[in-house]
Amino acid sequence: MALAAKILLVIASIGLIIVVLLQSGKSAGLSGAIGGGAEQLVGKQKARGMDALLGKLTVVFAVAFMIFAILLGYFLKTGA
């Protein structure tokens, strides 16, 4: 069970890192570089929708990360 929690924690960690890096910041980081070319093709409404989706995915991955970290700590403490 601890192995499954470790694997899911790694997946949640990588997903969280990727989603955070894709979000646009004050300097319009990586998302600005990628979305800039796409914005010319599909318009600005699509870029706002992408930022909203990335925001929701950030919350999902952050909650998953916290849950799996707590579960892994519990499994390692109990020896399961």
Protein backbone atom coordinates (compact mmCIF):
# COMPACT_ATOMS: atom_id res chain seq x y z
CA MET A 1 0.00 0.00 0.00
CA ALA A 2 2.90 2.33 0.74
CA LEU A 3 4.31 1.66 -2.72
CA ALA A 4 1.03 2.73 -4.34
CA ALA A 5 1.00 5.90 -2.23
CA LYS A 6 4.59 6.65 -3.27
CA ILE A 7 3.79 6.21 -6.95
CA LEU A 8 0.69 8.39 -6.73
CA LEU A 9 2.63 11.02 -4.79
CA VAL A 10 5.27 11.18 -7.52
CA ILE A 11 2.59 11.48 -10.21
CA ALA A 12 0.82 14.25 -8.28
CA SER A 13 4.15 16.05 -7.74
CA ILE A 14 5.10 15.97 -11.41
CA GLY A 15 1.61 17.05 -12.44
CA LEU A 16 1.66 19.94 -9.98
CA ILE A 17 5.05 21.11 -11.19
CA ILE A 18 3.97 21.01 -14.84
CA VAL A 19 0.67 22.83 -14.23
CA VAL A 20 2.33 25.56 -12.17
CA LEU A 21 5.01 26.11 -14.81
CA LEU A 22 2.40 26.42 -17.55
CA GLN A 23 0.49 29.17 -15.76
CA SER A 24 1.07 32.74 -16.76
CA GLY A 25 2.59 34.95 -14.11
CA LYS A 26 3.33 38.63 -13.90
CA SER A 27 6.05 38.19 -16.49
CA ALA A 28 3.90 35.81 -18.59
CA GLY A 29 6.36 32.91 -18.13
CA LEU A 30 6.21 29.69 -20.09
CA SER A 31 2.45 29.92 -20.62
CA GLY A 32 2.88 33.32 -22.25
CA ALA A 33 5.48 31.94 -24.62
CA ILE A 34 3.28 28.98 -25.59
CA GLY A 35 -0.06 30.80 -25.48
CA GLY A 36 1.27 33.79 -27.39
CA GLY A 37 1.38 31.94 -30.69
CA ALA A 38 -1.89 30.16 -30.05
CA GLU A 39 -3.55 33.40 -29.03
CA GLN A 40 -3.09 34.79 -32.53
CA LEU A 41 -4.87 31.77 -33.97
CA VAL A 42 -7.83 31.34 -31.61
CA GLY A 43 -8.14 34.72 -29.88
CA LYS A 44 -7.83 36.00 -26.34
CA GLN A 45 -10.90 34.22 -24.95
CA LYS A 46 -9.21 30.85 -25.39
CA ALA A 47 -6.16 32.03 -23.42
CA ARG A 48 -8.35 33.10 -20.49
CA GLY A 49 -10.09 29.73 -20.57
CA MET A 50 -6.71 28.00 -20.54
CA ASP A 51 -5.62 29.99 -17.47
CA ALA A 52 -8.87 29.09 -15.69
CA LEU A 53 -8.37 25.40 -16.51
CA LEU A 54 -4.77 25.51 -15.29
CA GLY A 55 -5.94 27.16 -12.06
CA LYS A 56 -8.45 24.39 -11.42
CA LEU A 57 -5.88 21.71 -12.25
CA THR A 58 -3.46 23.32 -9.80
CA VAL A 59 -6.01 22.95 -7.01
CA VAL A 60 -6.70 19.32 -7.95
CA PHE A 61 -3.02 18.36 -8.04
CA ALA A 62 -2.27 20.27 -4.82
CA VAL A 63 -5.08 18.51 -2.94
CA ALA A 64 -4.00 15.13 -4.35
CA PHE A 65 -0.40 15.84 -3.31
CA MET A 66 -1.46 16.67 0.26
CA ILE A 67 -3.69 13.61 0.57
CA PHE A 68 -1.06 11.21 -0.77
CA ALA A 69 1.65 12.75 1.43
CA ILE A 70 -0.52 12.27 4.53
CA LEU A 71 -1.41 8.71 3.50
CA LEU A 72 2.23 7.86 2.85
CA GLY A 73 3.22 9.21 6.25
CA TYR A 74 0.50 7.13 7.89
CA PHE A 75 1.52 3.97 6.05
CA LEU A 76 5.19 4.42 6.89
CA LYS A 77 4.39 5.09 10.54
CA THR A 78 2.16 2.02 10.93
CA GLY A 79 4.46 -0.19 8.88
CA ALA A 80 1.71 -1.15 6.41
